[in-house]
C-alpha atoms as a PDB file:
ATOM      1  CA  MET A   1      89.744  43.115  87.336  1.00  0.00           C
ATOM      2  CA  ARG A   2      87.674  45.803  88.015  1.00  0.00           C
ATOM      3  CA  THR A   3      87.165  47.162  91.627  1.00  0.00           C
ATOM      4  CA  TYR A   4      84.473  49.602  93.021  1.00  0.00           C
ATOM      5  CA  THR A   5      83.798  51.320  96.160  1.00  0.00           C
ATOM      6  CA  VAL A   6      80.799  53.446  97.785  1.00  0.00           C
ATOM      7  CA  GLN A   7      81.530  57.178  98.008  1.00  0.00           C
ATOM      8  CA  ARG A   8      79.212  59.972  99.096  1.00  0.00           C
ATOM      9  CA  VAL A   9      78.167  62.866  97.194  1.00  0.00           C
ATOM     10  CA  PRO A  10      77.564  66.026  98.732  1.00  0.00           C
ATOM     11  CA  SER A  11      74.193  66.792  97.140  1.00  0.00           C
ATOM     12  CA  VAL A  12      71.563  64.763  95.337  1.00  0.00           C
ATOM     13  CA  SER A  13      68.491  66.405  92.984  1.00  0.00           C
ATOM     14  CA  GLY A  14      65.023  66.461  94.220  1.00  0.00           C
ATOM     15  CA  ARG A  15      64.078  63.836  91.762  1.00  0.00           C
ATOM     16  CA  VAL A  16      66.618  61.356  93.082  1.00  0.00           C
ATOM     17  CA  ARG A  17      65.646  61.847  96.599  1.00  0.00           C
ATOM     18  CA  THR A  18      62.113  61.469  96.004  1.00  0.00           C
ATOM     19  CA  GLY A  19      62.502  58.052  93.931  1.00  0.00           C
ATOM     20  CA  ALA A  20      64.663  57.061  96.918  1.00  0.00           C
ATOM     21  CA  THR A  21      62.068  57.690  99.253  1.00  0.00           C
ATOM     22  CA  LEU A  22      59.118  55.983  97.054  1.00  0.00           C
ATOM     23  CA  LEU A  23      61.543  53.113  96.696  1.00  0.00           C
ATOM     24  CA  SER A  24      62.100  52.673 100.307  1.00  0.00           C
ATOM     25  CA  CYS A  25      58.271  52.960 100.995  1.00  0.00           C
ATOM     26  CA  LEU A  26      57.497  50.432  98.446  1.00  0.00           C
ATOM     27  CA  ALA A  27      60.146  48.334 100.114  1.00  0.00           C
ATOM     28  CA  SER A  28      58.425  48.610 103.491  1.00  0.00           C
ATOM     29  CA  VAL A  29      54.905  47.530 102.294  1.00  0.00           C
ATOM     30  CA  LEU A  30      56.393  44.603 100.792  1.00  0.00           C
ATOM     31  CA  ALA A  31      57.965  43.691 103.679  1.00  0.00           C
ATOM     32  CA  ALA A  32      54.788  44.025 105.702  1.00  0.00           C
ATOM     33  CA  GLY A  33      52.890  41.803 102.799  1.00  0.00           C
ATOM     34  CA  LEU A  34      55.323  39.419 103.662  1.00  0.00           C
ATOM     35  CA  LEU A  35      54.532  39.433 107.290  1.00  0.00           C
ATOM     36  CA  LEU A  36      51.113  39.075 106.355  1.00  0.00           C
ATOM     37  CA  ALA A  37      51.839  36.167 104.385  1.00  0.00           C
ATOM     38  CA  LEU A  38      53.466  34.546 107.107  1.00  0.00           C
ATOM     39  CA  LEU A  39      50.661  35.163 109.381  1.00  0.00           C
ATOM     40  CA  GLY A  40      48.444  32.801 106.889  1.00  0.00           C
ATOM     41  CA  LEU A  41      46.799  35.717 105.282  1.00  0.00           C
ATOM     42  CA  HIS A  42      46.328  37.219 101.551  1.00  0.00           C
ATOM     43  CA  PRO A  43      48.328  40.408 101.038  1.00  0.00           C
ATOM     44  CA  ALA A  44      47.141  40.980  97.531  1.00  0.00           C
ATOM     45  CA  ALA A  45      43.436  40.397  98.636  1.00  0.00           C
ATOM     46  CA  LEU A  46      43.779  42.548 101.884  1.00  0.00           C
ATOM     47  CA  GLY A  47      45.578  45.411  99.689  1.00  0.00           C
ATOM     48  CA  LEU A  48      42.355  45.223  97.119  1.00  0.00           C
ATOM     49  CA  GLN A  49      39.774  45.509  99.930  1.00  0.00           C
ATOM     50  CA  VAL A  50      41.772  48.283 101.524  1.00  0.00           C
ATOM     51  CA  LEU A  51      41.666  50.404  98.403  1.00  0.00           C
ATOM     52  CA  HIS A  52      38.024  49.516  97.552  1.00  0.00           C
ATOM     53  CA  GLN A  53      36.908  50.491 100.925  1.00  0.00           C
ATOM     54  CA  SER A  54      38.951  53.737 100.671  1.00  0.00           C
ATOM     55  CA  LEU A  55      38.634  55.065  97.177  1.00  0.00           C
ATOM     56  CA  ALA A  56      35.861  53.118  95.457  1.00  0.00           C
ATOM     57  CA  ASN A  57      32.910  54.548  97.662  1.00  0.00           C
ATOM     58  CA  ARG A  58      31.705  57.767  98.984  1.00  0.00           C
ATOM     59  CA  TYR A  59      31.952  57.115 102.430  1.00  0.00           C
ATOM     60  CA  GLY A  60      35.649  55.845 102.121  1.00  0.00           C
ATOM     61  CA  LEU A  61      36.472  58.901 100.464  1.00  0.00           C
ATOM     62  CA  GLU A  62      34.951  60.963 103.129  1.00  0.00           C
ATOM     63  CA  ASP A  63      36.581  58.650 106.178  1.00  0.00           C
ATOM     64  CA  LEU A  64      39.999  59.035 103.931  1.00  0.00           C
ATOM     65  CA  ALA A  65      39.772  63.087 103.527  1.00  0.00           C
ATOM     66  CA  LEU A  66      38.797  63.868 107.067  1.00  0.00           C
ATOM     67  CA  LEU A  67      41.616  61.812 108.168  1.00  0.00           C
ATOM     68  CA  ALA A  68      44.125  63.368 105.929  1.00  0.00           C
ATOM     69  CA  ALA A  69      43.394  66.867 106.496  1.00  0.00           C
ATOM     70  CA  PRO A  70      44.780  66.845 110.225  1.00  0.00           C
ATOM     71  CA  LEU A  71      47.768  64.753 109.229  1.00  0.00           C
ATOM     72  CA  ALA A  72      48.303  67.276 106.345  1.00  0.00           C
ATOM     73  CA  MET A  73      48.309  70.329 108.664  1.00  0.00           C
ATOM     74  CA  CYS A  74      50.671  68.738 111.288  1.00  0.00           C
ATOM     75  CA  GLY A  75      52.893  67.666 108.397  1.00  0.00           C
ATOM     76  CA  LEU A  76      52.935  71.327 107.249  1.00  0.00           C
ATOM     77  CA  SER A  77      53.698  72.338 110.800  1.00  0.00           C
ATOM     78  CA  VAL A  78      56.833  70.015 110.871  1.00  0.00           C
ATOM     79  CA  SER A  79      57.981  70.888 107.359  1.00  0.00           C
ATOM     80  CA  LEU A  80      58.071  74.505 108.367  1.00  0.00           C
ATOM     81  CA  MET A  81      60.751  73.721 111.003  1.00  0.00           C
ATOM     82  CA  LEU A  82      62.577  71.236 108.817  1.00  0.00           C
ATOM     83  CA  ARG A  83      62.609  74.305 106.374  1.00  0.00           C
ATOM     84  CA  VAL A  84      65.389  76.015 109.022  1.00  0.00           C
ATOM     85  CA  GLY A  85      66.693  72.748 110.149  1.00  0.00           C
ATOM     86  CA  LEU A  86      64.702  72.495 113.312  1.00  0.00           C
ATOM     87  CA  TRP A  87      62.508  69.782 114.534  1.00  0.00           C
ATOM     88  CA  ASN A  88      58.974  70.065 115.739  1.00  0.00           C
ATOM     89  CA  ILE A  89      58.003  67.100 117.822  1.00  0.00           C
ATOM     90  CA  GLY A  90      55.258  69.458 119.628  1.00  0.00           C
ATOM     91  CA  ALA A  91      52.799  69.247 116.560  1.00  0.00           C
ATOM     92  CA  ASP A  92      50.357  67.328 118.693  1.00  0.00           C
ATOM     93  CA  GLY A  93      50.314  69.579 121.688  1.00  0.00           C
ATOM     94  CA  GLN A  94      49.929  72.594 119.416  1.00  0.00           C
ATOM     95  CA  PHE A  95      46.920  70.875 117.852  1.00  0.00           C
ATOM     96  CA  PHE A  96      45.415  70.343 121.104  1.00  0.00           C
ATOM     97  CA  VAL A  97      46.100  73.799 122.474  1.00  0.00           C
ATOM     98  CA  GLY A  98      44.766  75.370 119.205  1.00  0.00           C
ATOM     99  CA  ALA A  99      41.501  73.401 119.356  1.00  0.00           C
ATOM    100  CA  ALA A 100      41.215  74.562 123.015  1.00  0.00           C
ATOM    101  CA  GLY A 101      41.580  78.314 121.958  1.00  0.00           C
ATOM    102  CA  ALA A 102      38.956  77.711 119.154  1.00  0.00           C
ATOM    103  CA  ALA A 103      36.590  75.906 121.572  1.00  0.00           C
ATOM    104  CA  TRP A 104      36.833  78.731 124.075  1.00  0.00           C
ATOM    105  CA  ILE A 105      35.792  81.066 121.673  1.00  0.00           C
ATOM    106  CA  GLY A 106      32.704  78.952 120.160  1.00  0.00           C
ATOM    107  CA  LEU A 107      31.754  78.078 123.898  1.00  0.00           C
ATOM    108  CA  TYR A 108      32.407  81.600 125.488  1.00  0.00           C
ATOM    109  CA  GLY A 109      32.527  83.919 122.903  1.00  0.00           C
ATOM    110  CA  PRO A 110      30.261  86.416 121.148  1.00  0.00           C
ATOM    111  CA  SER A 111      27.156  85.329 119.253  1.00  0.00           C
ATOM    112  CA  TRP A 112      27.839  85.975 115.978  1.00  0.00           C
ATOM    113  CA  SER A 113      27.117  84.490 112.627  1.00  0.00           C
ATOM    114  CA  THR A 114      28.903  81.429 111.177  1.00  0.00           C
ATOM    115  CA  LEU A 115      31.558  82.902 108.854  1.00  0.00           C
ATOM    116  CA  PRO A 116      32.868  85.410 111.500  1.00  0.00           C
ATOM    117  CA  MET A 117      32.929  83.116 114.274  1.00  0.00           C
ATOM    118  CA  LEU A 118      34.864  80.542 112.282  1.00  0.00           C
ATOM    119  CA  ALA A 119      37.280  83.584 111.260  1.00  0.00           C
ATOM    120  CA  LEU A 120      37.681  84.182 115.164  1.00  0.00           C
ATOM    121  CA  MET A 121      37.799  80.735 116.034  1.00  0.00           C
ATOM    122  CA  GLY A 122      40.684  80.459 113.597  1.00  0.00           C
ATOM    123  CA  ALA A 123      42.578  83.376 114.822  1.00  0.00           C
ATOM    124  CA  ALA A 124      42.418  82.150 118.462  1.00  0.00           C
ATOM    125  CA  SER A 125      43.734  78.847 117.455  1.00  0.00           C
ATOM    126  CA  MET A 126      46.538  79.820 115.527  1.00  0.00           C
ATOM    127  CA  THR A 127      47.247  82.390 118.395  1.00  0.00           C
ATOM    128  CA  ALA A 128      47.058  79.600 121.123  1.00  0.00           C
ATOM    129  CA  GLY A 129      49.195  77.453 118.807  1.00  0.00           C
ATOM    130  CA  ALA A 130      52.049  79.759 118.221  1.00  0.00           C
ATOM    131  CA  ALA A 131      52.034  80.953 122.026  1.00  0.00           C
ATOM    132  CA  TRP A 132      52.275  77.387 122.979  1.00  0.00           C
ATOM    133  CA  ILE A 133      55.777  76.712 120.724  1.00  0.00           C
ATOM    134  CA  ALA A 134      56.641  80.431 122.001  1.00  0.00           C
ATOM    135  CA  VAL A 135      58.832  78.842 125.276  1.00  0.00           C
ATOM    136  CA  PRO A 136      60.586  76.258 123.243  1.00  0.00           C
ATOM    137  CA  ALA A 137      61.582  78.935 120.448  1.00  0.00           C
ATOM    138  CA  LEU A 138      62.878  81.239 123.067  1.00  0.00           C
ATOM    139  CA  ALA A 139      64.479  78.399 124.836  1.00  0.00           C
ATOM    140  CA  ARG A 140      66.147  77.187 121.598  1.00  0.00           C
ATOM    141  CA  LEU A 141      67.428  80.806 120.527  1.00  0.00           C
ATOM    142  CA  ILE A 142      68.469  82.490 123.836  1.00  0.00           C
ATOM    143  CA  LEU A 143      69.582  79.374 125.666  1.00  0.00           C
ATOM    144  CA  GLY A 144      70.310  77.120 123.183  1.00  0.00           C
ATOM    145  CA  THR A 145      68.144  74.370 124.459  1.00  0.00           C
ATOM    146  CA  SER A 146      67.199  71.244 122.002  1.00  0.00           C
ATOM    147  CA  GLU A 147      63.794  72.197 120.752  1.00  0.00           C
ATOM    148  CA  ILE A 148      63.116  68.272 120.440  1.00  0.00           C
ATOM    149  CA  ILE A 149      62.999  67.927 124.111  1.00  0.00           C
ATOM    150  CA  THR A 150      60.873  71.007 124.864  1.00  0.00           C
ATOM    151  CA  THR A 151      58.142  70.531 121.976  1.00  0.00           C
ATOM    152  CA  LEU A 152      57.880  66.749 123.073  1.00  0.00           C
ATOM    153  CA  LEU A 153      57.505  67.696 126.638  1.00  0.00           C
ATOM    154  CA  LEU A 154      55.014  69.893 126.277  1.00  0.00           C
ATOM    155  CA  ASN A 155      52.478  67.496 124.427  1.00  0.00           C
ATOM    156  CA  PHE A 156      51.977  65.888 127.745  1.00  0.00           C
ATOM    157  CA  VAL A 157      51.262  69.089 129.039  1.00  0.00           C
ATOM    158  CA  ALA A 158      48.627  70.174 126.725  1.00  0.00           C
ATOM    159  CA  ARG A 159      46.879  66.559 126.481  1.00  0.00           C
ATOM    160  CA  LEU A 160      46.799  66.601 130.421  1.00  0.00           C
ATOM    161  CA  GLY A 161      45.375  70.401 130.347  1.00  0.00           C
ATOM    162  CA  ILE A 162      42.845  69.159 127.678  1.00  0.00           C
ATOM    163  CA  ASP A 163      41.641  66.482 130.064  1.00  0.00           C
ATOM    164  CA  TRP A 164      41.199  68.514 132.900  1.00  0.00           C
ATOM    165  CA  LEU A 165      39.130  71.469 131.109  1.00  0.00           C
ATOM    166  CA  VAL A 166      36.909  68.876 129.831  1.00  0.00           C
ATOM    167  CA  THR A 167      36.495  66.774 132.844  1.00  0.00           C
ATOM    168  CA  GLY A 168      36.375  69.738 134.948  1.00  0.00           C
ATOM    169  CA  PRO A 169      35.199  73.484 134.023  1.00  0.00           C
ATOM    170  CA  TRP A 170      34.321  72.889 130.547  1.00  0.00           C
ATOM    171  CA  ARG A 171      32.453  69.220 131.204  1.00  0.00           C
ATOM    172  CA  ASP A 172      29.003  68.751 129.287  1.00  0.00           C
ATOM    173  CA  ARG A 173      26.959  68.561 132.238  1.00  0.00           C
ATOM    174  CA  ALA A 174      24.218  67.452 130.156  1.00  0.00           C
ATOM    175  CA  SER A 175      25.753  64.561 128.660  1.00  0.00           C
ATOM    176  CA  SER A 176      27.023  60.884 130.360  1.00  0.00           C
ATOM    177  CA  VAL A 177      29.740  61.481 128.699  1.00  0.00           C
ATOM    178  CA  THR A 178      32.365  62.811 131.395  1.00  0.00           C
ATOM    179  CA  ALA A 179      35.201  63.678 129.207  1.00  0.00           C
ATOM    180  CA  GLN A 180      34.239  66.014 126.715  1.00  0.00           C
ATOM    181  CA  SER A 181      32.802  69.548 126.272  1.00  0.00           C
ATOM    182  CA  PRO A 182      29.435  70.834 125.156  1.00  0.00           C
ATOM    183  CA  ARG A 183      28.930  70.746 121.542  1.00  0.00           C
ATOM    184  CA  LEU A 184      30.161  73.936 119.654  1.00  0.00           C
ATOM    185  CA  PRO A 185      26.994  76.107 118.353  1.00  0.00           C
ATOM    186  CA  VAL A 186      28.994  76.664 114.920  1.00  0.00           C
ATOM    187  CA  ALA A 187      30.419  74.276 112.650  1.00  0.00           C
ATOM    188  CA  ILE A 188      32.482  74.272 109.513  1.00  0.00           C
ATOM    189  CA  PRO A 189      29.818  73.971 106.341  1.00  0.00           C
ATOM    190  CA  LYS A 190      29.832  70.835 104.421  1.00  0.00           C
ATOM    191  CA  LEU A 191      30.500  70.845 100.885  1.00  0.00           C
ATOM    192  CA  PRO A 192      27.513  70.911  98.636  1.00  0.00           C
ATOM    193  CA  ARG A 193      25.593  67.581  98.218  1.00  0.00           C
ATOM    194  CA  ASP A 194      25.584  67.490  94.454  1.00  0.00           C
ATOM    195  CA  TRP A 195      29.596  67.202  94.499  1.00  0.00           C
ATOM    196  CA  HIS A 196      28.822  63.726  95.743  1.00  0.00           C
ATOM    197  CA  LEU A 197      31.611  64.125  98.394  1.00  0.00           C
ATOM    198  CA  GLY A 198      29.747  62.473 101.365  1.00  0.00           C
ATOM    199  CA  GLY A 199      30.032  64.685 104.601  1.00  0.00           C
ATOM    200  CA  MET A 200      33.355  66.553 103.586  1.00  0.00           C
ATOM    201  CA  HIS A 201      33.505  70.017 104.865  1.00  0.00           C
ATOM    202  CA  TRP A 202      35.416  73.246 103.535  1.00  0.00           C
ATOM    203  CA  GLY A 203      38.233  72.776 105.782  1.00  0.00           C
ATOM    204  CA  LEU A 204      39.587  70.626 103.462  1.00  0.00           C
ATOM    205  CA  ALA A 205      39.664  73.639 100.698  1.00  0.00           C
ATOM    206  CA  VAL A 206      41.617  75.674 103.753  1.00  0.00           C
ATOM    207  CA  VAL A 207      44.307  72.708 103.904  1.00  0.00           C
ATOM    208  CA  LEU A 208      44.730  73.160 100.213  1.00  0.00           C
ATOM    209  CA  ALA A 209      44.920  76.685 100.010  1.00  0.00           C
ATOM    210  CA  LEU A 210      47.422  76.813 102.983  1.00  0.00           C
ATOM    211  CA  ALA A 211      49.911  74.373 101.130  1.00  0.00           C
ATOM    212  CA  CYS A 212      49.891  76.262  98.096  1.00  0.00           C
ATOM    213  CA  VAL A 213      50.253  79.428  99.828  1.00  0.00           C
ATOM    214  CA  LEU A 214      52.988  78.015 101.581  1.00  0.00           C
ATOM    215  CA  ALA A 215      54.645  76.369  98.507  1.00  0.00           C
ATOM    216  CA  LEU A 216      54.574  79.630  96.583  1.00  0.00           C
ATOM    217  CA  ALA A 217      56.137  81.544  99.637  1.00  0.00           C
ATOM    218  CA  PHE A 218      59.044  79.080  99.848  1.00  0.00           C
ATOM    219  CA  ARG A 219      59.679  79.732  95.977  1.00  0.00           C
ATOM    220  CA  PHE A 220      59.267  82.839  95.200  1.00  0.00           C
ATOM    221  CA  THR A 221      59.651  85.166  98.145  1.00  0.00           C
ATOM    222  CA  ARG A 222      62.470  86.751  99.929  1.00  0.00           C
ATOM    223  CA  TRP A 223      61.296  85.442 103.102  1.00  0.00           C
ATOM    224  CA  GLY A 224      61.039  81.862 101.806  1.00  0.00           C
ATOM    225  CA  TYR A 225      64.509  82.120  99.905  1.00  0.00           C
ATOM    226  CA  GLU A 226      66.101  83.415 103.446  1.00  0.00           C
ATOM    227  CA  LEU A 227      64.615  80.454 105.319  1.00  0.00           C
ATOM    228  CA  ARG A 228      66.007  78.101 102.792  1.00  0.00           C
ATOM    229  CA  ILE A 229      69.603  79.610 103.428  1.00  0.00           C
ATOM    230  CA  CYS A 230      69.162  79.658 106.937  1.00  0.00           C
ATOM    231  CA  GLY A 231      68.296  75.946 107.118  1.00  0.00           C
ATOM    232  CA  ALA A 232      71.070  74.964 105.110  1.00  0.00           C
ATOM    233  CA  ASN A 233      73.984  76.830 106.570  1.00  0.00           C
ATOM    234  CA  ARG A 234      73.200  79.424 109.241  1.00  0.00           C
ATOM    235  CA  ASN A 235      76.841  80.623 109.097  1.00  0.00           C
ATOM    236  CA  ALA A 236      76.426  81.865 105.534  1.00  0.00           C
ATOM    237  CA  ALA A 237      73.041  83.086 106.146  1.00  0.00           C
ATOM    238  CA  SER A 238      74.362  85.419 108.869  1.00  0.00           C
ATOM    239  CA  TYR A 239      77.568  86.349 106.986  1.00  0.00           C
ATOM    240  CA  ALA A 240      75.230  87.331 104.002  1.00  0.00           C
ATOM    241  CA  GLY A 241      73.386  89.706 106.591  1.00  0.00           C
ATOM    242  CA  MET A 242      70.406  87.773 107.195  1.00  0.00           C
ATOM    243  CA  ALA A 243      68.571  87.747 110.265  1.00  0.00           C
ATOM    244  CA  VAL A 244      68.977  84.183 111.558  1.00  0.00           C
ATOM    245  CA  ASN A 245      67.480  84.283 114.783  1.00  0.00           C
ATOM    246  CA  ARG A 246      64.332  86.455 113.402  1.00  0.00           C
ATOM    247  CA  ARG A 247      63.757  83.837 110.764  1.00  0.00           C
ATOM    248  CA  LEU A 248      64.094  80.975 113.256  1.00  0.00           C
ATOM    249  CA  LEU A 249      61.542  82.480 115.211  1.00  0.00           C
ATOM    250  CA  GLU A 250      59.390  83.374 112.466  1.00  0.00           C
ATOM    251  CA  ALA A 251      59.291  79.757 111.253  1.00  0.00           C
ATOM    252  CA  MET A 252      58.584  78.170 114.837  1.00  0.00           C
ATOM    253  CA  LEU A 253      55.895  80.357 115.561  1.00  0.00           C
ATOM    254  CA  LEU A 254      54.095  80.003 112.451  1.00  0.00           C
ATOM    255  CA  ALA A 255      54.579  76.015 112.895  1.00  0.00           C
ATOM    256  CA  GLY A 256      52.867  76.264 115.943  1.00  0.00           C
ATOM    257  CA  ALA A 257      50.324  78.449 114.580  1.00  0.00           C
ATOM    258  CA  VAL A 258      49.310  75.961 111.754  1.00  0.00           C
ATOM    259  CA  ALA A 259      49.222  73.104 113.926  1.00  0.00           C
ATOM    260  CA  GLY A 260      46.920  75.196 115.737  1.00  0.00           C
ATOM    261  CA  LEU A 261      44.675  75.934 113.140  1.00  0.00           C
ATOM    262  CA  GLY A 262      44.894  72.266 112.466  1.00  0.00           C
ATOM    263  CA  GLY A 263      43.030  71.716 115.537  1.00  0.00           C
ATOM    264  CA  MET A 264      40.506  74.252 115.231  1.00  0.00           C
ATOM    265  CA  LEU A 265      39.557  72.276 111.839  1.00  0.00           C
ATOM    266  CA  GLU A 266      39.141  69.327 113.202  1.00  0.00           C
ATOM    267  CA  LEU A 267      37.287  70.629 116.251  1.00  0.00           C
ATOM    268  CA  ALA A 268      34.832  72.644 114.191  1.00  0.00           C
ATOM    269  CA  GLY A 269      34.564  70.364 110.772  1.00  0.00           C
ATOM    270  CA  THR A 270      34.534  66.721 112.148  1.00  0.00           C
ATOM    271  CA  VAL A 271      34.269  66.494 116.017  1.00  0.00           C
ATOM    272  CA  HIS A 272      32.479  69.314 117.040  1.00  0.00           C
ATOM    273  CA  ARG A 273      33.223  69.329 120.752  1.00  0.00           C
ATOM    274  CA  LEU A 274      36.567  69.489 122.678  1.00  0.00           C
ATOM    275  CA  GLN A 275      37.791  65.863 123.866  1.00  0.00           C
ATOM    276  CA  SER A 276      40.806  64.122 125.075  1.00  0.00           C
ATOM    277  CA  GLY A 277      40.587  62.167 122.125  1.00  0.00           C
ATOM    278  CA  LEU A 278      40.533  64.785 119.910  1.00  0.00           C
ATOM    279  CA  SER A 279      44.065  64.175 118.129  1.00  0.00           C
ATOM    280  CA  ASN A 280      44.855  60.553 117.609  1.00  0.00           C
ATOM    281  CA  GLY A 281      48.511  61.037 117.435  1.00  0.00           C
ATOM    282  CA  TYR A 282      47.880  63.193 114.290  1.00  0.00           C
ATOM    283  CA  GLY A 283      51.004  65.352 115.266  1.00  0.00           C
ATOM    284  CA  TYR A 284      53.272  62.382 115.576  1.00  0.00           C
ATOM    285  CA  VAL A 285      52.361  60.973 112.448  1.00  0.00           C
ATOM    286  CA  GLY A 286      52.621  64.407 110.694  1.00  0.00           C
ATOM    287  CA  ILE A 287      56.418  64.006 111.437  1.00  0.00           C
ATOM    288  CA  ILE A 288      56.365  61.062 109.231  1.00  0.00           C
ATOM    289  CA  VAL A 289      54.148  63.053 106.295  1.00  0.00           C
ATOM    290  CA  ALA A 290      56.756  66.012 106.642  1.00  0.00           C
ATOM    291  CA  VAL A 291      59.850  63.660 106.323  1.00  0.00           C
ATOM    292  CA  LEU A 292      58.329  61.644 103.246  1.00  0.00           C
ATOM    293  CA  ALA A 293      57.336  64.665 101.526  1.00  0.00           C
ATOM    294  CA  ALA A 294      61.099  66.063 101.943  1.00  0.00           C
ATOM    295  CA  SER A 295      59.498  69.236 103.582  1.00  0.00           C
ATOM    296  CA  SER A 296      57.494  70.282 100.213  1.00  0.00           C
ATOM    297  CA  PRO A 297      53.859  71.759 101.177  1.00  0.00           C
ATOM    298  CA  LEU A 298      52.302  70.313  98.081  1.00  0.00           C
ATOM    299  CA  GLY A 299      54.151  67.039  98.773  1.00  0.00           C
ATOM    300  CA  VAL A 300      52.939  67.019 102.317  1.00  0.00           C
ATOM    301  CA  VAL A 301      49.113  66.931 101.242  1.00  0.00           C
ATOM    302  CA  VAL A 302      49.987  64.100  99.117  1.00  0.00           C
ATOM    303  CA  THR A 303      51.628  61.811 101.586  1.00  0.00           C
ATOM    304  CA  GLY A 304      49.144  62.952 104.355  1.00  0.00           C
ATOM    305  CA  VAL A 305      46.796  61.142 102.031  1.00  0.00           C
ATOM    306  CA  LEU A 306      49.154  58.047 101.682  1.00  0.00           C
ATOM    307  CA  MET A 307      49.495  58.014 105.274  1.00  0.00           C
ATOM    308  CA  ALA A 308      45.525  58.244 105.952  1.00  0.00           C
ATOM    309  CA  LEU A 309      45.398  55.232 103.690  1.00  0.00           C
ATOM    310  CA  VAL A 310      47.466  53.218 105.519  1.00  0.00           C
ATOM    311  CA  LEU A 311      45.836  54.164 108.923  1.00  0.00           C
ATOM    312  CA  ASN A 312      42.574  52.929 107.050  1.00  0.00           C
ATOM    313  CA  ALA A 313      44.365  49.726 106.210  1.00  0.00           C
ATOM    314  CA  GLY A 314      44.854  49.350 109.887  1.00  0.00           C
ATOM    315  CA  THR A 315      41.170  49.120 110.037  1.00  0.00           C
ATOM    316  CA  VAL A 316      40.621  46.930 107.550  1.00  0.00           C
ATOM    317  CA  LEU A 317      43.421  44.414 109.120  1.00  0.00           C
ATOM    318  CA  GLN A 318      41.513  44.372 112.445  1.00  0.00           C
ATOM    319  CA  THR A 319      38.581  43.007 110.485  1.00  0.00           C
ATOM    320  CA  GLN A 320      40.939  39.902 109.532  1.00  0.00           C
ATOM    321  CA  GLY A 321      41.900  39.261 113.134  1.00  0.00           C
ATOM    322  CA  VAL A 322      45.189  41.502 112.903  1.00  0.00           C
ATOM    323  CA  PRO A 323      46.093  43.468 116.020  1.00  0.00           C
ATOM    324  CA  SER A 324      45.320  47.114 116.039  1.00  0.00           C
ATOM    325  CA  SER A 325      49.035  47.899 116.509  1.00  0.00           C
ATOM    326  CA  ALA A 326      49.941  46.412 112.938  1.00  0.00           C
ATOM    327  CA  ALA A 327      49.282  49.906 111.355  1.00  0.00           C
ATOM    328  CA  VAL A 328      51.321  51.569 114.253  1.00  0.00           C
ATOM    329  CA  ALA A 329      54.030  49.101 113.233  1.00  0.00           C
ATOM    330  CA  LEU A 330      53.697  49.611 109.643  1.00  0.00           C
ATOM    331  CA  VAL A 331      53.909  53.304 109.828  1.00  0.00           C
ATOM    332  CA  GLY A 332      56.878  52.803 111.866  1.00  0.00           C
ATOM    333  CA  LEU A 333      58.540  50.497 109.244  1.00  0.00           C
ATOM    334  CA  ILE A 334      57.694  53.316 106.340  1.00  0.00           C
ATOM    335  CA  LEU A 335      59.437  56.138 108.499  1.00  0.00           C
ATOM    336  CA  LEU A 336      62.665  53.759 108.973  1.00  0.00           C
ATOM    337  CA  SER A 337      62.698  52.646 105.360  1.00  0.00           C
ATOM    338  CA  ALA A 338      61.947  56.661 104.059  1.00  0.00           C
ATOM    339  CA  ALA A 339      65.003  57.344 106.754  1.00  0.00           C
ATOM    340  CA  VAL A 340      67.063  54.549 105.021  1.00  0.00           C
ATOM    341  CA  GLY A 341      66.416  55.368 101.643  1.00  0.00           C
ATOM    342  CA  GLU A 342      67.146  59.252 102.190  1.00  0.00           C
ATOM    343  CA  ARG A 343      70.543  58.477 103.412  1.00  0.00           C
ATOM    344  CA  LEU A 344      71.511  56.010 100.718  1.00  0.00           C
ATOM    345  CA  ALA A 345      70.350  58.385  98.012  1.00  0.00           C
ATOM    346  CA  ASN A 346      73.750  60.376  98.624  1.00  0.00           C
ATOM    347  CA  TYR A 347      75.834  57.395  98.044  1.00  0.00           C
ATOM    348  CA  ARG A 348      77.156  56.124  94.856  1.00  0.00           C
ATOM    349  CA  LEU A 349      78.951  52.866  93.569  1.00  0.00           C
ATOM    350  CA  GLN A 350      82.066  54.359  92.092  1.00  0.00           C
ATOM    351  CA  ARG A 351      84.816  52.581  89.905  1.00  0.00           C
ATOM    352  CA  ILE A 352      88.156  52.594  91.256  1.00  0.00           C
ATOM    353  CA  PRO A 353      90.807  53.286  88.643  1.00  0.00           C
ATOM    354  CA  PRO A 354      93.830  50.786  88.049  1.00  0.00           C
ATOM    355  CA  ALA A 355      96.700  51.340  89.919  1.00  0.00           C
ATOM    356  CA  PRO A 356      99.491  52.551  87.317  1.00  0.00           C
ATOM    357  CA  ARG A 357     102.038  49.483  86.190  1.00  0.00           C
ATOM    358  CA  PRO A 358     105.603  50.109  87.135  1.00  0.00           C
ATOM    359  CA  GLY A 359     107.190  52.450  84.924  1.00  0.00           C
ATOM    360  CA  GLN A 360     103.907  53.489  83.879  1.00  0.00           C
ATOM    361  CA  ALA A 361     102.886  57.407  84.407  1.00  0.00           C
ATOM    362  CA  ALA A 362     100.196  57.940  86.974  1.00  0.00           C
END
């Protein structure tokens, strides 16, 4: 009789891990379809409707791209810290603070032409995002304080600070809306009309370019190699003479800068005003995006599009009488399934060899 046992393997290939994640996400979608069927709906018809509204027309593609861009930026921010074994739960706060830094330059800065102003706003947003995460970074490196707690709590501080700005000193007094700033005098240019891409702007190219630069840096530079080693085994990295604390600090500051730049792109490319609803939980969904992509910069772009598709599905479900919380529940189910799938990828079913018979050599 053959006997089997489950054994944990020390490491798996990226292909196996990606396959496990995809299968777990597929399982979560099937589970969501079963729940919709139990509610008396038709999951297949709803799925086709989601794909048609998101991918089959210009406006659907525009909405999908404009939603995927901030998700990918926050996902890149989270993935940077995951590379060194840390968690950035505060991408949402850094996103807000970066947008505030860009709005300050746009509203009260010099009256330059569009491109220099956008460059200055981008620099201000990255500086603000990096400064916002500097306190959790120093607390982690000097005091050993968990970056999960500090980055998470600063999200609420950032959100309340933005609420104060847009209802107080930066409020648009010429508008009946009491929770937004005046419209920015500059905006990210739109893509050419003959490209038939709706109202998409060049900020999307910034997201793709940044993902490519990070992917190349992680793979071909000494800095990226040291980040990987510091994330895998800090003791080994320190023994090899690497500046572990310096690399951790660089990764955290760069993560804050990337999330801050995402806030600037959303502000100057899509919303054009600073407001408390600028981020619709992008920083939190960015955690799911980074985890599903296994911290791969180019994978983050792909999973950002997929998560945007899931959130668009929530809008379609609302038109069919399903509560808006259904999309949030689906996102949580995908994250849970991905976490389970990633964990199960490290286990194998192994056959136990039969015990030697009496008098038989072992």
